[in-house]
Amino acid sequence: MTNMPVDYHGFYFMTEPFADGYYKTGNKKAARELTIKLMQKCKENLIHYKSLPKVDQNALYSDIYREIEGYRRLLHILKDNGDIELYNSNKVDFNRLNQAFRRFETEDE
């Protein structure tokens, strides 16, 4: 993570396994910090996509879907590792943003 900080690259999906690894090795603080950063990136991107006209959203379907599913995977990392408090607090934001793209047949958490 030192050589590939979250703030400086756009390939966040490559960083998701590190969050799970931190949980698995007992480093809950690092896991939470990384997961929160990654979820924030997903939120920012989804808020941006939500602000676009529907015709543009449709053209960016695969990017939007990738963000939604990345956010969902992060929630599952939280849930699978027993961080239910953080899962529940972020599930609300996920479902709210996900609703904006319901026509893409995405499911709530």
PDB file of N, CA and C in Angstrom:
ATOM      1  N   MET A   1       0.828  -1.195   0.000  1.00  0.00           N
ATOM      2  CA  MET A   1       0.000   0.000   0.000  1.00  0.00           C
ATOM      3  C   MET A   1       0.873   1.260   0.000  1.00  0.00           C
ATOM      4  N   THR A   2       2.093   1.141   0.464  1.00  0.00           N
ATOM      5  CA  THR A   2       3.001   2.283   0.469  1.00  0.00           C
ATOM      6  C   THR A   2       3.332   2.709  -0.954  1.00  0.00           C
ATOM      7  N   ASN A   3       3.513   1.753  -1.834  1.00  0.00           N
ATOM      8  CA  ASN A   3       3.892   2.060  -3.211  1.00  0.00           C
ATOM      9  C   ASN A   3       2.701   2.301  -4.129  1.00  0.00           C
ATOM     10  N   MET A   4       1.505   2.050  -3.645  1.00  0.00           N
ATOM     11  CA  MET A   4       0.314   2.204  -4.470  1.00  0.00           C
ATOM     12  C   MET A   4      -0.801   2.843  -3.643  1.00  0.00           C
ATOM     13  N   PRO A   5      -0.588   4.072  -3.152  1.00  0.00           N
ATOM     14  CA  PRO A   5      -1.598   4.700  -2.292  1.00  0.00           C
ATOM     15  C   PRO A   5      -2.910   4.950  -3.030  1.00  0.00           C
ATOM     16  N   VAL A   6      -3.983   4.760  -2.314  1.00  0.00           N
ATOM     17  CA  VAL A   6      -5.331   4.860  -2.875  1.00  0.00           C
ATOM     18  C   VAL A   6      -5.578   6.215  -3.540  1.00  0.00           C
ATOM     19  N   ASP A   7      -5.048   7.255  -2.970  1.00  0.00           N
ATOM     20  CA  ASP A   7      -5.332   8.593  -3.485  1.00  0.00           C
ATOM     21  C   ASP A   7      -4.696   8.900  -4.831  1.00  0.00           C
ATOM     22  N   TYR A   8      -3.783   8.051  -5.296  1.00  0.00           N
ATOM     23  CA  TYR A   8      -3.038   8.384  -6.491  1.00  0.00           C
ATOM     24  C   TYR A   8      -3.210   7.429  -7.665  1.00  0.00           C
ATOM     25  N   HIS A   9      -4.153   6.558  -7.616  1.00  0.00           N
ATOM     26  CA  HIS A   9      -4.394   5.676  -8.767  1.00  0.00           C
ATOM     27  C   HIS A   9      -5.889   5.443  -8.922  1.00  0.00           C
ATOM     28  N   GLY A  10      -6.284   5.034 -10.089  1.00  0.00           N
ATOM     29  CA  GLY A  10      -7.706   4.844 -10.362  1.00  0.00           C
ATOM     30  C   GLY A  10      -8.145   3.393 -10.365  1.00  0.00           C
ATOM     31  N   PHE A  11      -7.259   2.496 -10.020  1.00  0.00           N
ATOM     32  CA  PHE A  11      -7.576   1.064 -10.070  1.00  0.00           C
ATOM     33  C   PHE A  11      -7.907   0.548  -8.674  1.00  0.00           C
ATOM     34  N   TYR A  12      -8.987   1.066  -8.123  1.00  0.00           N
ATOM     35  CA  TYR A  12      -9.336   0.757  -6.744  1.00  0.00           C
ATOM     36  C   TYR A  12      -9.678  -0.708  -6.540  1.00  0.00           C
ATOM     37  N   PHE A  13     -10.195  -1.359  -7.568  1.00  0.00           N
ATOM     38  CA  PHE A  13     -10.557  -2.771  -7.437  1.00  0.00           C
ATOM     39  C   PHE A  13      -9.333  -3.624  -7.115  1.00  0.00           C
ATOM     40  N   MET A  14      -8.152  -3.152  -7.509  1.00  0.00           N
ATOM     41  CA  MET A  14      -6.928  -3.897  -7.228  1.00  0.00           C
ATOM     42  C   MET A  14      -6.544  -3.801  -5.751  1.00  0.00           C
ATOM     43  N   THR A  15      -7.106  -2.849  -5.056  1.00  0.00           N
ATOM     44  CA  THR A  15      -6.766  -2.607  -3.659  1.00  0.00           C
ATOM     45  C   THR A  15      -7.729  -3.313  -2.705  1.00  0.00           C
ATOM     46  N   GLU A  16      -8.899  -3.697  -3.181  1.00  0.00           N
ATOM     47  CA  GLU A  16      -9.905  -4.344  -2.332  1.00  0.00           C
ATOM     48  C   GLU A  16      -9.355  -5.545  -1.557  1.00  0.00           C
ATOM     49  N   PRO A  17      -8.584  -6.422  -2.187  1.00  0.00           N
ATOM     50  CA  PRO A  17      -8.076  -7.585  -1.432  1.00  0.00           C
ATOM     51  C   PRO A  17      -7.203  -7.206  -0.236  1.00  0.00           C
ATOM     52  N   PHE A  18      -6.552  -6.042  -0.291  1.00  0.00           N
ATOM     53  CA  PHE A  18      -5.737  -5.610   0.842  1.00  0.00           C
ATOM     54  C   PHE A  18      -6.618  -5.339   2.063  1.00  0.00           C
ATOM     55  N   ALA A  19      -7.788  -4.761   1.834  1.00  0.00           N
ATOM     56  CA  ALA A  19      -8.704  -4.501   2.948  1.00  0.00           C
ATOM     57  C   ALA A  19      -9.092  -5.807   3.622  1.00  0.00           C
ATOM     58  N   ASP A  20      -9.448  -6.798   2.826  1.00  0.00           N
ATOM     59  CA  ASP A  20      -9.799  -8.109   3.375  1.00  0.00           C
ATOM     60  C   ASP A  20      -8.595  -8.721   4.085  1.00  0.00           C
ATOM     61  N   GLY A  21      -7.425  -8.588   3.499  1.00  0.00           N
ATOM     62  CA  GLY A  21      -6.206  -9.120   4.109  1.00  0.00           C
ATOM     63  C   GLY A  21      -5.903  -8.484   5.454  1.00  0.00           C
ATOM     64  N   TYR A  22      -6.119  -7.186   5.548  1.00  0.00           N
ATOM     65  CA  TYR A  22      -5.914  -6.513   6.831  1.00  0.00           C
ATOM     66  C   TYR A  22      -6.839  -7.092   7.900  1.00  0.00           C
ATOM     67  N   TYR A  23      -8.103  -7.313   7.539  1.00  0.00           N
ATOM     68  CA  TYR A  23      -9.023  -7.928   8.498  1.00  0.00           C
ATOM     69  C   TYR A  23      -8.531  -9.316   8.888  1.00  0.00           C
ATOM     70  N   LYS A  24      -8.168 -10.100   7.901  1.00  0.00           N
ATOM     71  CA  LYS A  24      -7.769 -11.491   8.143  1.00  0.00           C
ATOM     72  C   LYS A  24      -6.518 -11.592   9.023  1.00  0.00           C
ATOM     73  N   THR A  25      -5.648 -10.585   8.947  1.00  0.00           N
ATOM     74  CA  THR A  25      -4.429 -10.609   9.757  1.00  0.00           C
ATOM     75  C   THR A  25      -4.596  -9.862  11.082  1.00  0.00           C
ATOM     76  N   GLY A  26      -5.815  -9.424  11.370  1.00  0.00           N
ATOM     77  CA  GLY A  26      -6.099  -8.794  12.649  1.00  0.00           C
ATOM     78  C   GLY A  26      -5.824  -7.303  12.723  1.00  0.00           C
ATOM     79  N   ASN A  27      -5.544  -6.685  11.595  1.00  0.00           N
ATOM     80  CA  ASN A  27      -5.269  -5.252  11.589  1.00  0.00           C
ATOM     81  C   ASN A  27      -6.553  -4.505  11.208  1.00  0.00           C
ATOM     82  N   LYS A  28      -7.485  -4.493  12.148  1.00  0.00           N
ATOM     83  CA  LYS A  28      -8.801  -3.906  11.887  1.00  0.00           C
ATOM     84  C   LYS A  28      -8.717  -2.410  11.583  1.00  0.00           C
ATOM     85  N   LYS A  29      -7.809  -1.714  12.249  1.00  0.00           N
ATOM     86  CA  LYS A  29      -7.678  -0.275  12.026  1.00  0.00           C
ATOM     87  C   LYS A  29      -7.292   0.010  10.572  1.00  0.00           C
ATOM     88  N   ALA A  30      -6.287  -0.670  10.062  1.00  0.00           N
ATOM     89  CA  ALA A  30      -5.859  -0.469   8.669  1.00  0.00           C
ATOM     90  C   ALA A  30      -6.952  -0.914   7.707  1.00  0.00           C
ATOM     91  N   ALA A  31      -7.640  -2.002   8.044  1.00  0.00           N
ATOM     92  CA  ALA A  31      -8.728  -2.500   7.196  1.00  0.00           C
ATOM     93  C   ALA A  31      -9.832  -1.459   7.086  1.00  0.00           C
ATOM     94  N   ARG A  32     -10.225  -0.907   8.211  1.00  0.00           N
ATOM     95  CA  ARG A  32     -11.291   0.101   8.212  1.00  0.00           C
ATOM     96  C   ARG A  32     -10.869   1.350   7.448  1.00  0.00           C
ATOM     97  N   GLU A  33      -9.652   1.815   7.693  1.00  0.00           N
ATOM     98  CA  GLU A  33      -9.181   3.026   7.015  1.00  0.00           C
ATOM     99  C   GLU A  33      -9.181   2.838   5.498  1.00  0.00           C
ATOM    100  N   LEU A  34      -8.672   1.708   5.046  1.00  0.00           N
ATOM    101  CA  LEU A  34      -8.619   1.448   3.610  1.00  0.00           C
ATOM    102  C   LEU A  34     -10.017   1.284   3.031  1.00  0.00           C
ATOM    103  N   THR A  35     -10.852   0.538   3.706  1.00  0.00           N
ATOM    104  CA  THR A  35     -12.213   0.306   3.215  1.00  0.00           C
ATOM    105  C   THR A  35     -12.992   1.614   3.134  1.00  0.00           C
ATOM    106  N   ILE A  36     -12.848   2.448   4.136  1.00  0.00           N
ATOM    107  CA  ILE A  36     -13.537   3.743   4.135  1.00  0.00           C
ATOM    108  C   ILE A  36     -13.052   4.605   2.967  1.00  0.00           C
ATOM    109  N   LYS A  37     -11.736   4.628   2.736  1.00  0.00           N
ATOM    110  CA  LYS A  37     -11.201   5.395   1.600  1.00  0.00           C
ATOM    111  C   LYS A  37     -11.755   4.881   0.274  1.00  0.00           C
ATOM    112  N   LEU A  38     -11.775   3.567   0.120  1.00  0.00           N
ATOM    113  CA  LEU A  38     -12.255   2.980  -1.134  1.00  0.00           C
ATOM    114  C   LEU A  38     -13.744   3.241  -1.328  1.00  0.00           C
ATOM    115  N   MET A  39     -14.521   3.116  -0.250  1.00  0.00           N
ATOM    116  CA  MET A  39     -15.958   3.393  -0.362  1.00  0.00           C
ATOM    117  C   MET A  39     -16.191   4.862  -0.700  1.00  0.00           C
ATOM    118  N   GLN A  40     -15.370   5.746  -0.154  1.00  0.00           N
ATOM    119  CA  GLN A  40     -15.504   7.177  -0.459  1.00  0.00           C
ATOM    120  C   GLN A  40     -15.262   7.429  -1.943  1.00  0.00           C
ATOM    121  N   LYS A  41     -14.274   6.756  -2.515  1.00  0.00           N
ATOM    122  CA  LYS A  41     -14.003   6.887  -3.954  1.00  0.00           C
ATOM    123  C   LYS A  41     -15.210   6.413  -4.762  1.00  0.00           C
ATOM    124  N   CYS A  42     -15.792   5.291  -4.365  1.00  0.00           N
ATOM    125  CA  CYS A  42     -16.983   4.782  -5.058  1.00  0.00           C
ATOM    126  C   CYS A  42     -18.128   5.786  -4.954  1.00  0.00           C
ATOM    127  N   LYS A  43     -18.340   6.320  -3.753  1.00  0.00           N
ATOM    128  CA  LYS A  43     -19.404   7.309  -3.547  1.00  0.00           C
ATOM    129  C   LYS A  43     -19.196   8.525  -4.439  1.00  0.00           C
ATOM    130  N   GLU A  44     -17.976   9.046  -4.437  1.00  0.00           N
ATOM    131  CA  GLU A  44     -17.682  10.233  -5.252  1.00  0.00           C
ATOM    132  C   GLU A  44     -17.976   9.963  -6.722  1.00  0.00           C
ATOM    133  N   ASN A  45     -17.548   8.822  -7.209  1.00  0.00           N
ATOM    134  CA  ASN A  45     -17.780   8.490  -8.614  1.00  0.00           C
ATOM    135  C   ASN A  45     -19.265   8.317  -8.908  1.00  0.00           C
ATOM    136  N   LEU A  46     -19.979   7.647  -8.025  1.00  0.00           N
ATOM    137  CA  LEU A  46     -21.411   7.436  -8.250  1.00  0.00           C
ATOM    138  C   LEU A  46     -22.191   8.748  -8.170  1.00  0.00           C
ATOM    139  N   ILE A  47     -21.796   9.627  -7.283  1.00  0.00           N
ATOM    140  CA  ILE A  47     -22.439  10.945  -7.203  1.00  0.00           C
ATOM    141  C   ILE A  47     -22.204  11.711  -8.502  1.00  0.00           C
ATOM    142  N   HIS A  48     -21.007  11.619  -9.028  1.00  0.00           N
ATOM    143  CA  HIS A  48     -20.714  12.268 -10.311  1.00  0.00           C
ATOM    144  C   HIS A  48     -21.588  11.672 -11.416  1.00  0.00           C
ATOM    145  N   TYR A  49     -21.624  10.352 -11.514  1.00  0.00           N
ATOM    146  CA  TYR A  49     -22.432   9.716 -12.559  1.00  0.00           C
ATOM    147  C   TYR A  49     -23.909  10.069 -12.403  1.00  0.00           C
ATOM    148  N   LYS A  50     -24.360  10.161 -11.163  1.00  0.00           N
ATOM    149  CA  LYS A  50     -25.760  10.504 -10.892  1.00  0.00           C
ATOM    150  C   LYS A  50     -26.099  11.904 -11.405  1.00  0.00           C
ATOM    151  N   SER A  51     -25.117  12.796 -11.411  1.00  0.00           N
ATOM    152  CA  SER A  51     -25.355  14.172 -11.839  1.00  0.00           C
ATOM    153  C   SER A  51     -25.451  14.312 -13.361  1.00  0.00           C
ATOM    154  N   LEU A  52     -25.062  13.281 -14.085  1.00  0.00           N
ATOM    155  CA  LEU A  52     -25.069  13.333 -15.549  1.00  0.00           C
ATOM    156  C   LEU A  52     -26.464  13.067 -16.107  1.00  0.00           C
ATOM    157  N   PRO A  53     -26.749  13.580 -17.291  1.00  0.00           N
ATOM    158  CA  PRO A  53     -28.025  13.246 -17.942  1.00  0.00           C
ATOM    159  C   PRO A  53     -28.112  11.731 -18.182  1.00  0.00           C
ATOM    160  N   LYS A  54     -29.315  11.220 -18.190  1.00  0.00           N
ATOM    161  CA  LYS A  54     -29.518   9.768 -18.342  1.00  0.00           C
ATOM    162  C   LYS A  54     -28.881   9.215 -19.613  1.00  0.00           C
ATOM    163  N   VAL A  55     -28.884   9.981 -20.675  1.00  0.00           N
ATOM    164  CA  VAL A  55     -28.277   9.507 -21.920  1.00  0.00           C
ATOM    165  C   VAL A  55     -26.780   9.267 -21.723  1.00  0.00           C
ATOM    166  N   ASP A  56     -26.128  10.146 -20.968  1.00  0.00           N
ATOM    167  CA  ASP A  56     -24.702   9.964 -20.672  1.00  0.00           C
ATOM    168  C   ASP A  56     -24.491   8.795 -19.707  1.00  0.00           C
ATOM    169  N   GLN A  57     -25.386   8.670 -18.739  1.00  0.00           N
ATOM    170  CA  GLN A  57     -25.303   7.535 -17.818  1.00  0.00           C
ATOM    171  C   GLN A  57     -25.401   6.218 -18.587  1.00  0.00           C
ATOM    172  N   ASN A  58     -26.313   6.175 -19.529  1.00  0.00           N
ATOM    173  CA  ASN A  58     -26.472   4.951 -20.318  1.00  0.00           C
ATOM    174  C   ASN A  58     -25.195   4.616 -21.084  1.00  0.00           C
ATOM    175  N   ALA A  59     -24.538   5.643 -21.607  1.00  0.00           N
ATOM    176  CA  ALA A  59     -23.293   5.429 -22.345  1.00  0.00           C
ATOM    177  C   ALA A  59     -22.177   4.944 -21.415  1.00  0.00           C
ATOM    178  N   LEU A  60     -22.283   5.294 -20.136  1.00  0.00           N
ATOM    179  CA  LEU A  60     -21.264   4.913 -19.154  1.00  0.00           C
ATOM    180  C   LEU A  60     -21.705   3.743 -18.285  1.00  0.00           C
ATOM    181  N   TYR A  61     -22.650   2.982 -18.769  1.00  0.00           N
ATOM    182  CA  TYR A  61     -23.233   1.877 -18.013  1.00  0.00           C
ATOM    183  C   TYR A  61     -22.174   0.984 -17.366  1.00  0.00           C
ATOM    184  N   SER A  62     -21.187   0.549 -18.112  1.00  0.00           N
ATOM    185  CA  SER A  62     -20.214  -0.403 -17.556  1.00  0.00           C
ATOM    186  C   SER A  62     -19.376   0.232 -16.445  1.00  0.00           C
ATOM    187  N   ASP A  63     -19.055   1.504 -16.579  1.00  0.00           N
ATOM    188  CA  ASP A  63     -18.314   2.197 -15.521  1.00  0.00           C
ATOM    189  C   ASP A  63     -19.166   2.322 -14.255  1.00  0.00           C
ATOM    190  N   ILE A  64     -20.421   2.680 -14.433  1.00  0.00           N
ATOM    191  CA  ILE A  64     -21.342   2.824 -13.299  1.00  0.00           C
ATOM    192  C   ILE A  64     -21.539   1.482 -12.616  1.00  0.00           C
ATOM    193  N   TYR A  65     -21.769   0.458 -13.409  1.00  0.00           N
ATOM    194  CA  TYR A  65     -21.990  -0.883 -12.852  1.00  0.00           C
ATOM    195  C   TYR A  65     -20.748  -1.348 -12.086  1.00  0.00           C
ATOM    196  N   ARG A  66     -19.557  -1.068 -12.614  1.00  0.00           N
ATOM    197  CA  ARG A  66     -18.315  -1.452 -11.950  1.00  0.00           C
ATOM    198  C   ARG A  66     -18.197  -0.756 -10.591  1.00  0.00           C
ATOM    199  N   GLU A  67     -18.567   0.516 -10.524  1.00  0.00           N
ATOM    200  CA  GLU A  67     -18.518   1.248  -9.254  1.00  0.00           C
ATOM    201  C   GLU A  67     -19.509   0.670  -8.241  1.00  0.00           C
ATOM    202  N   ILE A  68     -20.713   0.385  -8.707  1.00  0.00           N
ATOM    203  CA  ILE A  68     -21.731  -0.182  -7.812  1.00  0.00           C
ATOM    204  C   ILE A  68     -21.254  -1.516  -7.255  1.00  0.00           C
ATOM    205  N   GLU A  69     -20.757  -2.361  -8.123  1.00  0.00           N
ATOM    206  CA  GLU A  69     -20.326  -3.686  -7.673  1.00  0.00           C
ATOM    207  C   GLU A  69     -19.059  -3.613  -6.825  1.00  0.00           C
ATOM    208  N   GLY A  70     -18.187  -2.653  -7.102  1.00  0.00           N
ATOM    209  CA  GLY A  70     -17.018  -2.461  -6.247  1.00  0.00           C
ATOM    210  C   GLY A  70     -17.420  -2.039  -4.846  1.00  0.00           C
ATOM    211  N   TYR A  71     -18.364  -1.133  -4.781  1.00  0.00           N
ATOM    212  CA  TYR A  71     -18.899  -0.677  -3.496  1.00  0.00           C
ATOM    213  C   TYR A  71     -19.532  -1.861  -2.769  1.00  0.00           C
ATOM    214  N   ARG A  72     -20.288  -2.663  -3.492  1.00  0.00           N
ATOM    215  CA  ARG A  72     -20.936  -3.842  -2.894  1.00  0.00           C
ATOM    216  C   ARG A  72     -19.881  -4.824  -2.346  1.00  0.00           C
ATOM    217  N   ARG A  73     -18.805  -5.049  -3.112  1.00  0.00           N
ATOM    218  CA  ARG A  73     -17.751  -5.968  -2.650  1.00  0.00           C
ATOM    219  C   ARG A  73     -17.120  -5.454  -1.352  1.00  0.00           C
ATOM    220  N   LEU A  74     -16.946  -4.151  -1.257  1.00  0.00           N
ATOM    221  CA  LEU A  74     -16.388  -3.578  -0.034  1.00  0.00           C
ATOM    222  C   LEU A  74     -17.329  -3.795   1.147  1.00  0.00           C
ATOM    223  N   LEU A  75     -18.620  -3.627   0.907  1.00  0.00           N
ATOM    224  CA  LEU A  75     -19.594  -3.907   1.962  1.00  0.00           C
ATOM    225  C   LEU A  75     -19.530  -5.365   2.387  1.00  0.00           C
ATOM    226  N   HIS A  76     -19.356  -6.252   1.430  1.00  0.00           N
ATOM    227  CA  HIS A  76     -19.269  -7.680   1.755  1.00  0.00           C
ATOM    228  C   HIS A  76     -18.002  -7.993   2.548  1.00  0.00           C
ATOM    229  N   ILE A  77     -16.918  -7.287   2.253  1.00  0.00           N
ATOM    230  CA  ILE A  77     -15.690  -7.463   3.038  1.00  0.00           C
ATOM    231  C   ILE A  77     -15.962  -7.089   4.488  1.00  0.00           C
ATOM    232  N   LEU A  78     -16.669  -5.978   4.695  1.00  0.00           N
ATOM    233  CA  LEU A  78     -17.022  -5.572   6.055  1.00  0.00           C
ATOM    234  C   LEU A  78     -17.884  -6.628   6.733  1.00  0.00           C
ATOM    235  N   LYS A  79     -18.919  -7.044   6.057  1.00  0.00           N
ATOM    236  CA  LYS A  79     -19.867  -7.999   6.623  1.00  0.00           C
ATOM    237  C   LYS A  79     -19.202  -9.353   6.889  1.00  0.00           C
ATOM    238  N   ASP A  80     -18.437  -9.833   5.934  1.00  0.00           N
ATOM    239  CA  ASP A  80     -17.792 -11.141   6.070  1.00  0.00           C
ATOM    240  C   ASP A  80     -16.758 -11.169   7.192  1.00  0.00           C
ATOM    241  N   ASN A  81     -16.212 -10.010   7.517  1.00  0.00           N
ATOM    242  CA  ASN A  81     -15.203  -9.940   8.574  1.00  0.00           C
ATOM    243  C   ASN A  81     -15.772  -9.445   9.898  1.00  0.00           C
ATOM    244  N   GLY A  82     -17.088  -9.397   9.976  1.00  0.00           N
ATOM    245  CA  GLY A  82     -17.758  -9.092  11.239  1.00  0.00           C
ATOM    246  C   GLY A  82     -17.774  -7.628  11.631  1.00  0.00           C
ATOM    247  N   ASP A  83     -17.466  -6.738  10.713  1.00  0.00           N
ATOM    248  CA  ASP A  83     -17.505  -5.307  11.017  1.00  0.00           C
ATOM    249  C   ASP A  83     -18.906  -4.787  10.682  1.00  0.00           C
ATOM    250  N   ILE A  84     -19.867  -5.298  11.422  1.00  0.00           N
ATOM    251  CA  ILE A  84     -21.287  -5.055  11.135  1.00  0.00           C
ATOM    252  C   ILE A  84     -21.674  -3.592  11.337  1.00  0.00           C
ATOM    253  N   GLU A  85     -21.093  -2.947  12.329  1.00  0.00           N
ATOM    254  CA  GLU A  85     -21.419  -1.534  12.569  1.00  0.00           C
ATOM    255  C   GLU A  85     -21.052  -0.684  11.351  1.00  0.00           C
ATOM    256  N   LEU A  86     -19.857  -0.863  10.819  1.00  0.00           N
ATOM    257  CA  LEU A  86     -19.438  -0.102   9.640  1.00  0.00           C
ATOM    258  C   LEU A  86     -20.227  -0.536   8.408  1.00  0.00           C
ATOM    259  N   TYR A  87     -20.515  -1.814   8.309  1.00  0.00           N
ATOM    260  CA  TYR A  87     -21.340  -2.322   7.201  1.00  0.00           C
ATOM    261  C   TYR A  87     -22.699  -1.639   7.211  1.00  0.00           C
ATOM    262  N   ASN A  88     -23.373  -1.661   8.344  1.00  0.00           N
ATOM    263  CA  ASN A  88     -24.725  -1.095   8.427  1.00  0.00           C
ATOM    264  C   ASN A  88     -24.743   0.402   8.143  1.00  0.00           C
ATOM    265  N   SER A  89     -23.752   1.127   8.640  1.00  0.00           N
ATOM    266  CA  SER A  89     -23.747   2.575   8.427  1.00  0.00           C
ATOM    267  C   SER A  89     -23.476   2.932   6.966  1.00  0.00           C
ATOM    268  N   ASN A  90     -22.730   2.104   6.252  1.00  0.00           N
ATOM    269  CA  ASN A  90     -22.428   2.390   4.847  1.00  0.00           C
ATOM    270  C   ASN A  90     -23.435   1.769   3.886  1.00  0.00           C
ATOM    271  N   LYS A  91     -24.142   0.784   4.348  1.00  0.00           N
ATOM    272  CA  LYS A  91     -25.174   0.154   3.518  1.00  0.00           C
ATOM    273  C   LYS A  91     -26.253   1.165   3.139  1.00  0.00           C
ATOM    274  N   VAL A  92     -26.564   2.056   4.032  1.00  0.00           N
ATOM    275  CA  VAL A  92     -27.582   3.082   3.792  1.00  0.00           C
ATOM    276  C   VAL A  92     -27.167   3.971   2.609  1.00  0.00           C
ATOM    277  N   ASP A  93     -25.922   4.438   2.622  1.00  0.00           N
ATOM    278  CA  ASP A  93     -25.433   5.274   1.515  1.00  0.00           C
ATOM    279  C   ASP A  93     -25.406   4.492   0.204  1.00  0.00           C
ATOM    280  N   PHE A  94     -24.969   3.239   0.289  1.00  0.00           N
ATOM    281  CA  PHE A  94     -24.926   2.406  -0.910  1.00  0.00           C
ATOM    282  C   PHE A  94     -26.320   2.287  -1.520  1.00  0.00           C
ATOM    283  N   ASN A  95     -27.298   1.934  -0.708  1.00  0.00           N
ATOM    284  CA  ASN A  95     -28.654   1.743  -1.220  1.00  0.00           C
ATOM    285  C   ASN A  95     -29.223   3.039  -1.794  1.00  0.00           C
ATOM    286  N   ARG A  96     -28.924   4.163  -1.157  1.00  0.00           N
ATOM    287  CA  ARG A  96     -29.401   5.458  -1.652  1.00  0.00           C
ATOM    288  C   ARG A  96     -28.812   5.758  -3.032  1.00  0.00           C
ATOM    289  N   LEU A  97     -27.521   5.566  -3.187  1.00  0.00           N
ATOM    290  CA  LEU A  97     -26.883   5.817  -4.484  1.00  0.00           C
ATOM    291  C   LEU A  97     -27.308   4.784  -5.519  1.00  0.00           C
ATOM    292  N   ASN A  98     -27.439   3.560  -5.092  1.00  0.00           N
ATOM    293  CA  ASN A  98     -27.831   2.488  -5.999  1.00  0.00           C
ATOM    294  C   ASN A  98     -29.218   2.740  -6.593  1.00  0.00           C
ATOM    295  N   GLN A  99     -30.087   3.349  -5.818  1.00  0.00           N
ATOM    296  CA  GLN A  99     -31.442   3.647  -6.289  1.00  0.00           C
ATOM    297  C   GLN A  99     -31.428   4.526  -7.543  1.00  0.00           C
ATOM    298  N   ALA A 100     -30.432   5.374  -7.661  1.00  0.00           N
ATOM    299  CA  ALA A 100     -30.343   6.275  -8.816  1.00  0.00           C
ATOM    300  C   ALA A 100     -30.113   5.517 -10.122  1.00  0.00           C
ATOM    301  N   PHE A 101     -29.653   4.282 -10.007  1.00  0.00           N
ATOM    302  CA  PHE A 101     -29.326   3.494 -11.196  1.00  0.00           C
ATOM    303  C   PHE A 101     -30.160   2.218 -11.267  1.00  0.00           C
ATOM    304  N   ARG A 102     -31.335   2.271 -10.691  1.00  0.00           N
ATOM    305  CA  ARG A 102     -32.226   1.110 -10.626  1.00  0.00           C
ATOM    306  C   ARG A 102     -32.522   0.550 -12.012  1.00  0.00           C
ATOM    307  N   ARG A 103     -32.544   1.402 -13.021  1.00  0.00           N
ATOM    308  CA  ARG A 103     -32.864   0.930 -14.371  1.00  0.00           C
ATOM    309  C   ARG A 103     -31.795  -0.021 -14.907  1.00  0.00           C
ATOM    310  N   PHE A 104     -30.614  -0.038 -14.283  1.00  0.00           N
ATOM    311  CA  PHE A 104     -29.566  -0.956 -14.679  1.00  0.00           C
ATOM    312  C   PHE A 104     -29.708  -2.314 -13.985  1.00  0.00           C
ATOM    313  N   GLU A 105     -30.830  -2.470 -13.267  1.00  0.00           N
ATOM    314  CA  GLU A 105     -31.187  -3.713 -12.579  1.00  0.00           C
ATOM    315  C   GLU A 105     -30.151  -4.128 -11.539  1.00  0.00           C
ATOM    316  N   THR A 106     -29.755  -3.159 -10.729  1.00  0.00           N
ATOM    317  CA  THR A 106     -28.881  -3.446  -9.606  1.00  0.00           C
ATOM    318  C   THR A 106     -29.730  -3.695  -8.374  1.00  0.00           C
ATOM    319  N   GLU A 107     -29.212  -4.456  -7.445  1.00  0.00           N
ATOM    320  CA  GLU A 107     -29.972  -4.794  -6.241  1.00  0.00           C
ATOM    321  C   GLU A 107     -29.403  -4.076  -5.036  1.00  0.00           C
ATOM    322  N   ASP A 108     -30.283  -3.743  -4.088  1.00  0.00           N
ATOM    323  CA  ASP A 108     -29.840  -3.135  -2.839  1.00  0.00           C
ATOM    324  C   ASP A 108     -29.153  -4.185  -1.979  1.00  0.00           C
ATOM    325  N   GLU A 109     -28.474  -3.705  -0.987  1.00  0.00           N
ATOM    326  CA  GLU A 109     -27.780  -4.565  -0.038  1.00  0.00           C
ATOM    327  C   GLU A 109     -28.713  -4.928   1.087  1.00  0.00           C
TER     328      GLU A 109
END
